[in-house]
Amino acid sequence: MPEVENRAMTATYAHVTAVRLDLGRNIDMWSSALTVFALIILICDLTKALTIQLILIASILIGSTQKYLALRVAFDAQIFAKWAKYWSKSGEASVESTMAAFDQATGVNGQTAKSGHTRDIFSRIQGAGKLALRQSVAFAIQIILWLGAAIVATLT
């Protein structure tokens, strides 16, 4: 019985993590819009100010970084959602065996073999949270760059 309770609690943690990570889709949508808008401004040569052009190029680079992080966060969100669904079913495999199989399937098994341990669910949740935080920081930097471009545009 303790394994079932542990699995149910772990399924809840995985579900909450999946929902939290899924919020990154909104960040990605807005960041993508800013990136495309910056590309349009540069391609159509709508600004002649070199400073604004450089700021927009920086925004595109940060937007690309955000996109990479968004893809990784979206992948983690789907994995945690699948784990939550899988572990909430009774009679399924244990949490540890599921994560070990995942590591083997994704090629992480070689890394865990070198370190001598498999990461538990809580370290995975923490790692996914760090990715989501990096995605949010990249978006915040992109917004700051856009505000900087707007300030430069009003001053010139």
N, C-alpha and C. Protein backbone atom coordinates (compact mmCIF):
# COMPACT_ATOMS: atom_id res chain seq x y z
N MET A 1 0.80 -1.22 0.00
CA MET A 1 0.00 0.00 0.00
C MET A 1 0.84 1.28 0.00
N PRO A 2 1.98 1.32 0.72
CA PRO A 2 2.77 2.55 0.69
C PRO A 2 3.21 2.94 -0.72
N GLU A 3 3.53 1.94 -1.57
CA GLU A 3 3.96 2.24 -2.94
C GLU A 3 2.84 2.94 -3.71
N VAL A 4 1.59 2.50 -3.52
CA VAL A 4 0.47 3.11 -4.21
C VAL A 4 0.29 4.55 -3.75
N GLU A 5 0.38 4.78 -2.43
CA GLU A 5 0.25 6.14 -1.91
C GLU A 5 1.39 7.01 -2.43
N ASN A 6 2.59 6.49 -2.43
CA ASN A 6 3.75 7.23 -2.92
C ASN A 6 3.56 7.56 -4.40
N ARG A 7 3.08 6.59 -5.16
CA ARG A 7 2.88 6.79 -6.59
C ARG A 7 1.79 7.84 -6.83
N ALA A 8 0.73 7.80 -6.03
CA ALA A 8 -0.35 8.79 -6.17
C ALA A 8 0.14 10.19 -5.83
N MET A 9 0.93 10.30 -4.78
CA MET A 9 1.48 11.61 -4.40
C MET A 9 2.45 12.10 -5.48
N THR A 10 3.28 11.23 -5.98
CA THR A 10 4.23 11.60 -7.03
C THR A 10 3.49 12.00 -8.29
N ALA A 11 2.38 11.31 -8.59
CA ALA A 11 1.56 11.68 -9.76
C ALA A 11 1.02 13.09 -9.60
N THR A 12 0.64 13.46 -8.39
CA THR A 12 0.14 14.81 -8.13
C THR A 12 1.25 15.84 -8.35
N TYR A 13 2.44 15.56 -7.84
CA TYR A 13 3.58 16.47 -8.06
C TYR A 13 3.86 16.61 -9.56
N ALA A 14 3.83 15.51 -10.27
CA ALA A 14 4.10 15.54 -11.71
C ALA A 14 3.03 16.35 -12.44
N HIS A 15 1.77 16.18 -12.02
CA HIS A 15 0.68 16.92 -12.65
C HIS A 15 0.83 18.42 -12.42
N VAL A 16 1.11 18.82 -11.19
CA VAL A 16 1.28 20.24 -10.87
C VAL A 16 2.45 20.82 -11.66
N THR A 17 3.53 20.07 -11.76
CA THR A 17 4.69 20.52 -12.52
C THR A 17 4.34 20.69 -14.00
N ALA A 18 3.59 19.75 -14.55
CA ALA A 18 3.18 19.85 -15.96
C ALA A 18 2.34 21.09 -16.20
N VAL A 19 1.42 21.37 -15.30
CA VAL A 19 0.56 22.56 -15.44
C VAL A 19 1.41 23.82 -15.35
N ARG A 20 2.32 23.86 -14.39
CA ARG A 20 3.18 25.03 -14.22
C ARG A 20 4.06 25.24 -15.45
N LEU A 21 4.63 24.18 -15.98
CA LEU A 21 5.48 24.30 -17.15
C LEU A 21 4.69 24.70 -18.39
N ASP A 22 3.43 24.29 -18.44
CA ASP A 22 2.59 24.63 -19.59
C ASP A 22 2.35 26.13 -19.71
N LEU A 23 2.55 26.87 -18.64
CA LEU A 23 2.41 28.33 -18.69
C LEU A 23 3.47 28.95 -19.61
N GLY A 24 4.54 28.23 -19.86
CA GLY A 24 5.58 28.71 -20.76
C GLY A 24 5.10 28.91 -22.19
N ARG A 25 3.98 28.29 -22.55
CA ARG A 25 3.44 28.48 -23.90
C ARG A 25 3.06 29.93 -24.13
N ASN A 26 2.48 30.59 -23.12
CA ASN A 26 2.12 32.00 -23.27
C ASN A 26 3.36 32.88 -23.42
N ILE A 27 4.36 32.60 -22.62
CA ILE A 27 5.62 33.35 -22.73
C ILE A 27 6.19 33.17 -24.14
N ASP A 28 6.19 31.95 -24.62
CA ASP A 28 6.73 31.67 -25.95
C ASP A 28 5.94 32.40 -27.03
N MET A 29 4.63 32.44 -26.89
CA MET A 29 3.80 33.12 -27.89
C MET A 29 4.16 34.60 -27.98
N TRP A 30 4.25 35.27 -26.84
CA TRP A 30 4.56 36.71 -26.83
C TRP A 30 5.99 36.98 -27.28
N SER A 31 6.91 36.13 -26.86
CA SER A 31 8.30 36.30 -27.28
C SER A 31 8.44 36.10 -28.79
N SER A 32 7.75 35.12 -29.31
CA SER A 32 7.79 34.87 -30.76
C SER A 32 7.24 36.07 -31.52
N ALA A 33 6.17 36.68 -31.00
CA ALA A 33 5.60 37.86 -31.65
C ALA A 33 6.62 39.01 -31.67
N LEU A 34 7.30 39.23 -30.54
CA LEU A 34 8.31 40.28 -30.49
C LEU A 34 9.47 40.00 -31.45
N THR A 35 9.86 38.73 -31.54
CA THR A 35 10.95 38.35 -32.43
C THR A 35 10.57 38.58 -33.90
N VAL A 36 9.38 38.16 -34.27
CA VAL A 36 8.92 38.35 -35.64
C VAL A 36 8.79 39.84 -35.96
N PHE A 37 8.26 40.60 -35.01
CA PHE A 37 8.10 42.04 -35.21
C PHE A 37 9.46 42.70 -35.41
N ALA A 38 10.46 42.30 -34.64
CA ALA A 38 11.81 42.84 -34.79
C ALA A 38 12.38 42.48 -36.17
N LEU A 39 12.14 41.25 -36.61
CA LEU A 39 12.61 40.84 -37.94
C LEU A 39 11.95 41.67 -39.04
N ILE A 40 10.66 41.91 -38.91
CA ILE A 40 9.95 42.71 -39.91
C ILE A 40 10.52 44.12 -39.97
N ILE A 41 10.75 44.72 -38.81
CA ILE A 41 11.30 46.08 -38.77
C ILE A 41 12.67 46.13 -39.44
N LEU A 42 13.50 45.12 -39.17
CA LEU A 42 14.84 45.10 -39.76
C LEU A 42 14.81 44.80 -41.26
N ILE A 43 14.00 43.83 -41.65
CA ILE A 43 13.94 43.45 -43.07
C ILE A 43 13.36 44.57 -43.92
N CYS A 44 12.32 45.22 -43.41
CA CYS A 44 11.69 46.31 -44.17
C CYS A 44 12.44 47.62 -44.01
N ASP A 45 13.52 47.59 -43.24
CA ASP A 45 14.37 48.78 -43.03
C ASP A 45 13.54 49.97 -42.55
N LEU A 46 12.71 49.70 -41.53
CA LEU A 46 11.81 50.73 -41.01
C LEU A 46 12.50 51.70 -40.05
N THR A 47 13.70 51.35 -39.63
CA THR A 47 14.44 52.26 -38.75
C THR A 47 15.83 52.48 -39.33
N LYS A 48 16.26 53.70 -39.33
CA LYS A 48 17.60 54.05 -39.84
C LYS A 48 18.62 54.18 -38.71
N ALA A 49 18.13 54.22 -37.46
CA ALA A 49 19.03 54.40 -36.32
C ALA A 49 19.78 53.10 -36.03
N LEU A 50 21.11 53.18 -36.08
CA LEU A 50 21.95 52.01 -35.85
C LEU A 50 21.72 51.43 -34.45
N THR A 51 21.54 52.29 -33.46
CA THR A 51 21.34 51.84 -32.09
C THR A 51 20.08 50.98 -31.98
N ILE A 52 19.01 51.43 -32.60
CA ILE A 52 17.76 50.67 -32.56
C ILE A 52 17.93 49.35 -33.31
N GLN A 53 18.63 49.37 -34.43
CA GLN A 53 18.88 48.14 -35.18
C GLN A 53 19.64 47.12 -34.34
N LEU A 54 20.66 47.59 -33.64
CA LEU A 54 21.44 46.69 -32.78
C LEU A 54 20.59 46.13 -31.63
N ILE A 55 19.75 46.97 -31.07
CA ILE A 55 18.86 46.51 -30.00
C ILE A 55 17.89 45.45 -30.53
N LEU A 56 17.37 45.66 -31.72
CA LEU A 56 16.45 44.69 -32.32
C LEU A 56 17.16 43.38 -32.65
N ILE A 57 18.40 43.46 -33.10
CA ILE A 57 19.17 42.24 -33.35
C ILE A 57 19.38 41.49 -32.04
N ALA A 58 19.71 42.21 -30.98
CA ALA A 58 19.86 41.57 -29.67
C ALA A 58 18.54 40.92 -29.23
N SER A 59 17.43 41.60 -29.51
CA SER A 59 16.12 41.05 -29.16
C SER A 59 15.84 39.76 -29.92
N ILE A 60 16.25 39.71 -31.18
CA ILE A 60 16.06 38.50 -31.98
C ILE A 60 16.91 37.35 -31.43
N LEU A 61 18.14 37.65 -31.03
CA LEU A 61 19.01 36.62 -30.46
C LEU A 61 18.45 36.09 -29.14
N ILE A 62 17.98 37.00 -28.29
CA ILE A 62 17.37 36.57 -27.02
C ILE A 62 16.08 35.81 -27.29
N GLY A 63 15.31 36.26 -28.29
CA GLY A 63 14.09 35.55 -28.66
C GLY A 63 14.38 34.13 -29.14
N SER A 64 15.48 33.96 -29.85
CA SER A 64 15.89 32.62 -30.30
C SER A 64 16.26 31.74 -29.11
N THR A 65 16.96 32.32 -28.15
CA THR A 65 17.30 31.59 -26.93
C THR A 65 16.04 31.19 -26.19
N GLN A 66 15.10 32.12 -26.08
CA GLN A 66 13.83 31.83 -25.42
C GLN A 66 13.12 30.69 -26.12
N LYS A 67 13.14 30.68 -27.46
CA LYS A 67 12.47 29.63 -28.24
C LYS A 67 13.07 28.26 -27.93
N TYR A 68 14.39 28.20 -27.87
CA TYR A 68 15.06 26.94 -27.52
C TYR A 68 14.61 26.47 -26.14
N LEU A 69 14.63 27.38 -25.17
CA LEU A 69 14.20 27.02 -23.83
C LEU A 69 12.72 26.64 -23.80
N ALA A 70 11.91 27.32 -24.59
CA ALA A 70 10.47 27.02 -24.64
C ALA A 70 10.24 25.60 -25.16
N LEU A 71 11.02 25.18 -26.15
CA LEU A 71 10.88 23.83 -26.66
C LEU A 71 11.23 22.79 -25.59
N ARG A 72 12.27 23.06 -24.85
CA ARG A 72 12.66 22.14 -23.77
C ARG A 72 11.62 22.12 -22.65
N VAL A 73 11.08 23.29 -22.31
CA VAL A 73 10.05 23.38 -21.27
C VAL A 73 8.79 22.65 -21.73
N ALA A 74 8.41 22.83 -22.99
CA ALA A 74 7.21 22.15 -23.53
C ALA A 74 7.40 20.63 -23.51
N PHE A 75 8.60 20.18 -23.84
CA PHE A 75 8.90 18.74 -23.78
C PHE A 75 8.73 18.23 -22.36
N ASP A 76 9.32 18.94 -21.40
CA ASP A 76 9.19 18.54 -19.99
C ASP A 76 7.74 18.56 -19.54
N ALA A 77 6.98 19.55 -19.98
CA ALA A 77 5.56 19.62 -19.59
C ALA A 77 4.82 18.38 -20.06
N GLN A 78 5.08 17.96 -21.28
CA GLN A 78 4.42 16.76 -21.80
C GLN A 78 4.86 15.51 -21.06
N ILE A 79 6.15 15.42 -20.76
CA ILE A 79 6.65 14.25 -20.03
C ILE A 79 6.02 14.18 -18.64
N PHE A 80 6.02 15.29 -17.91
CA PHE A 80 5.43 15.28 -16.57
C PHE A 80 3.93 14.97 -16.63
N ALA A 81 3.24 15.46 -17.65
CA ALA A 81 1.81 15.16 -17.79
C ALA A 81 1.60 13.67 -18.04
N LYS A 82 2.44 13.08 -18.88
CA LYS A 82 2.33 11.63 -19.15
C LYS A 82 2.64 10.83 -17.89
N TRP A 83 3.69 11.23 -17.19
CA TRP A 83 4.01 10.54 -15.94
C TRP A 83 2.86 10.63 -14.95
N ALA A 84 2.28 11.81 -14.81
CA ALA A 84 1.17 11.98 -13.86
C ALA A 84 0.03 11.04 -14.21
N LYS A 85 -0.30 10.95 -15.47
CA LYS A 85 -1.39 10.08 -15.91
C LYS A 85 -1.03 8.62 -15.67
N TYR A 86 0.20 8.26 -16.00
CA TYR A 86 0.66 6.89 -15.86
C TYR A 86 0.69 6.45 -14.40
N TRP A 87 1.24 7.29 -13.53
CA TRP A 87 1.38 6.93 -12.13
C TRP A 87 0.06 6.98 -11.36
N SER A 88 -0.92 7.71 -11.89
CA SER A 88 -2.20 7.77 -11.18
C SER A 88 -3.02 6.50 -11.39
N LYS A 89 -2.65 5.71 -12.40
CA LYS A 89 -3.33 4.44 -12.63
C LYS A 89 -2.81 3.41 -11.64
N SER A 90 -3.69 2.61 -11.12
CA SER A 90 -3.26 1.57 -10.18
C SER A 90 -2.68 0.39 -10.94
N GLY A 91 -1.73 -0.27 -10.33
CA GLY A 91 -1.14 -1.46 -10.89
C GLY A 91 -0.05 -1.22 -11.91
N GLU A 92 0.30 0.03 -12.15
CA GLU A 92 1.35 0.32 -13.13
C GLU A 92 2.72 0.20 -12.48
N ALA A 93 3.75 0.38 -13.29
CA ALA A 93 5.13 0.26 -12.81
C ALA A 93 5.45 1.33 -11.78
N SER A 94 6.51 1.10 -11.03
CA SER A 94 6.91 2.05 -9.99
C SER A 94 7.48 3.32 -10.61
N VAL A 95 7.53 4.35 -9.79
CA VAL A 95 8.06 5.64 -10.22
C VAL A 95 9.52 5.49 -10.65
N GLU A 96 10.30 4.79 -9.85
CA GLU A 96 11.72 4.64 -10.12
C GLU A 96 11.97 3.90 -11.44
N SER A 97 11.21 2.83 -11.68
CA SER A 97 11.42 2.08 -12.91
C SER A 97 10.99 2.89 -14.13
N THR A 98 9.96 3.71 -13.97
CA THR A 98 9.51 4.57 -15.08
C THR A 98 10.59 5.57 -15.44
N MET A 99 11.18 6.21 -14.43
CA MET A 99 12.22 7.21 -14.69
C MET A 99 13.49 6.56 -15.24
N ALA A 100 13.81 5.37 -14.77
CA ALA A 100 14.98 4.66 -15.29
C ALA A 100 14.77 4.31 -16.76
N ALA A 101 13.56 3.86 -17.11
CA ALA A 101 13.25 3.55 -18.51
C ALA A 101 13.30 4.82 -19.37
N PHE A 102 12.82 5.93 -18.83
CA PHE A 102 12.88 7.21 -19.55
C PHE A 102 14.33 7.60 -19.81
N ASP A 103 15.17 7.51 -18.79
CA ASP A 103 16.58 7.84 -18.95
C ASP A 103 17.24 6.97 -20.01
N GLN A 104 16.90 5.69 -20.01
CA GLN A 104 17.48 4.79 -21.00
C GLN A 104 16.98 5.16 -22.40
N ALA A 105 15.71 5.46 -22.54
CA ALA A 105 15.13 5.80 -23.84
C ALA A 105 15.67 7.11 -24.40
N THR A 106 15.98 8.06 -23.53
CA THR A 106 16.46 9.37 -23.99
C THR A 106 17.98 9.45 -24.03
N GLY A 107 18.66 8.39 -23.66
CA GLY A 107 20.11 8.40 -23.72
C GLY A 107 20.76 9.03 -22.50
N VAL A 108 19.98 9.34 -21.49
CA VAL A 108 20.52 9.92 -20.27
C VAL A 108 21.15 8.83 -19.42
N ASN A 109 20.84 7.58 -19.73
CA ASN A 109 21.31 6.47 -18.93
C ASN A 109 22.82 6.45 -18.80
N GLY A 110 23.54 6.79 -19.86
CA GLY A 110 25.00 6.81 -19.80
C GLY A 110 25.51 7.84 -18.81
N GLN A 111 24.83 8.99 -18.73
CA GLN A 111 25.23 10.03 -17.78
C GLN A 111 24.98 9.57 -16.35
N THR A 112 23.84 8.93 -16.11
CA THR A 112 23.53 8.50 -14.75
C THR A 112 24.42 7.33 -14.34
N ALA A 113 24.83 6.52 -15.31
CA ALA A 113 25.72 5.41 -14.98
C ALA A 113 27.07 5.94 -14.51
N LYS A 114 27.56 7.02 -15.11
CA LYS A 114 28.83 7.61 -14.70
C LYS A 114 28.75 8.19 -13.30
N SER A 115 27.61 8.83 -12.98
CA SER A 115 27.48 9.45 -11.66
C SER A 115 27.09 8.44 -10.59
N GLY A 116 26.56 7.28 -11.01
CA GLY A 116 26.24 6.24 -10.06
C GLY A 116 24.83 6.33 -9.48
N HIS A 117 24.01 7.26 -9.95
CA HIS A 117 22.64 7.32 -9.42
C HIS A 117 21.67 7.86 -10.47
N THR A 118 20.42 7.53 -10.27
CA THR A 118 19.36 8.04 -11.13
C THR A 118 18.70 9.20 -10.39
N ARG A 119 18.41 10.27 -11.12
CA ARG A 119 17.77 11.42 -10.48
C ARG A 119 16.37 11.05 -10.03
N ASP A 120 15.99 11.54 -8.86
CA ASP A 120 14.63 11.29 -8.38
C ASP A 120 13.68 12.34 -8.96
N ILE A 121 12.41 12.16 -8.70
CA ILE A 121 11.39 13.04 -9.27
C ILE A 121 11.57 14.49 -8.82
N PHE A 122 11.99 14.69 -7.60
CA PHE A 122 12.11 16.05 -7.09
C PHE A 122 13.27 16.81 -7.73
N SER A 123 14.37 16.13 -8.02
CA SER A 123 15.46 16.81 -8.73
C SER A 123 15.05 17.10 -10.17
N ARG A 124 14.21 16.24 -10.75
CA ARG A 124 13.71 16.50 -12.10
C ARG A 124 12.75 17.69 -12.10
N ILE A 125 11.92 17.78 -11.09
CA ILE A 125 11.01 18.92 -10.98
C ILE A 125 11.81 20.21 -10.81
N GLN A 126 12.84 20.15 -9.99
CA GLN A 126 13.69 21.31 -9.77
C GLN A 126 14.40 21.71 -11.08
N GLY A 127 14.90 20.75 -11.82
CA GLY A 127 15.56 21.04 -13.09
C GLY A 127 14.60 21.65 -14.11
N ALA A 128 13.39 21.13 -14.17
CA ALA A 128 12.39 21.68 -15.08
C ALA A 128 12.02 23.11 -14.68
N GLY A 129 11.96 23.34 -13.38
CA GLY A 129 11.67 24.69 -12.89
C GLY A 129 12.76 25.68 -13.27
N LYS A 130 14.01 25.23 -13.22
CA LYS A 130 15.12 26.10 -13.62
C LYS A 130 15.04 26.44 -15.10
N LEU A 131 14.66 25.47 -15.93
CA LEU A 131 14.49 25.75 -17.35
C LEU A 131 13.39 26.78 -17.58
N ALA A 132 12.28 26.62 -16.87
CA ALA A 132 11.16 27.56 -17.01
C ALA A 132 11.59 28.96 -16.55
N LEU A 133 12.38 29.02 -15.49
CA LEU A 133 12.87 30.32 -15.02
C LEU A 133 13.78 30.97 -16.05
N ARG A 134 14.66 30.20 -16.65
CA ARG A 134 15.54 30.74 -17.71
C ARG A 134 14.72 31.26 -18.88
N GLN A 135 13.67 30.54 -19.24
CA GLN A 135 12.79 30.99 -20.31
C GLN A 135 12.16 32.33 -19.95
N SER A 136 11.68 32.47 -18.72
CA SER A 136 11.06 33.72 -18.27
C SER A 136 12.06 34.87 -18.26
N VAL A 137 13.28 34.60 -17.83
CA VAL A 137 14.31 35.63 -17.79
C VAL A 137 14.65 36.09 -19.21
N ALA A 138 14.74 35.14 -20.13
CA ALA A 138 15.02 35.52 -21.53
C ALA A 138 13.91 36.43 -22.06
N PHE A 139 12.68 36.11 -21.76
CA PHE A 139 11.56 36.95 -22.20
C PHE A 139 11.62 38.33 -21.55
N ALA A 140 11.95 38.37 -20.26
CA ALA A 140 12.06 39.66 -19.56
C ALA A 140 13.15 40.52 -20.19
N ILE A 141 14.27 39.91 -20.54
CA ILE A 141 15.35 40.66 -21.20
C ILE A 141 14.87 41.19 -22.55
N GLN A 142 14.12 40.36 -23.25
CA GLN A 142 13.59 40.79 -24.55
C GLN A 142 12.66 42.00 -24.39
N ILE A 143 11.83 41.99 -23.38
CA ILE A 143 10.94 43.14 -23.12
C ILE A 143 11.76 44.38 -22.79
N ILE A 144 12.79 44.21 -21.96
CA ILE A 144 13.66 45.34 -21.60
C ILE A 144 14.33 45.91 -22.85
N LEU A 145 14.77 45.04 -23.74
CA LEU A 145 15.39 45.52 -24.99
C LEU A 145 14.38 46.32 -25.82
N TRP A 146 13.16 45.85 -25.90
CA TRP A 146 12.14 46.58 -26.65
C TRP A 146 11.85 47.93 -26.00
N LEU A 147 11.80 47.96 -24.68
CA LEU A 147 11.59 49.25 -24.00
C LEU A 147 12.76 50.19 -24.27
N GLY A 148 13.97 49.63 -24.27
CA GLY A 148 15.15 50.44 -24.61
C GLY A 148 15.08 50.99 -26.02
N ALA A 149 14.62 50.17 -26.96
CA ALA A 149 14.48 50.64 -28.34
C ALA A 149 13.43 51.74 -28.43
N ALA A 150 12.35 51.61 -27.67
CA ALA A 150 11.31 52.65 -27.68
C ALA A 150 11.84 53.95 -27.10
N ILE A 151 12.64 53.85 -26.04
CA ILE A 151 13.21 55.06 -25.44
C ILE A 151 14.18 55.73 -26.40
N VAL A 152 15.04 54.94 -27.03
CA VAL A 152 15.98 55.50 -28.00
C VAL A 152 15.22 56.15 -29.15
N ALA A 153 14.16 55.51 -29.60
CA ALA A 153 13.38 56.06 -30.72
C ALA A 153 12.74 57.39 -30.36
N THR A 154 12.30 57.55 -29.12
CA THR A 154 11.68 58.81 -28.73
C THR A 154 12.72 59.91 -28.51
N LEU A 155 13.95 59.54 -28.20
CA LEU A 155 15.00 60.52 -27.97
C LEU A 155 15.68 60.97 -29.25
N THR A 156 15.51 60.21 -30.32
CA THR A 156 16.18 60.60 -31.59
C THR A 156 15.22 61.26 -32.55
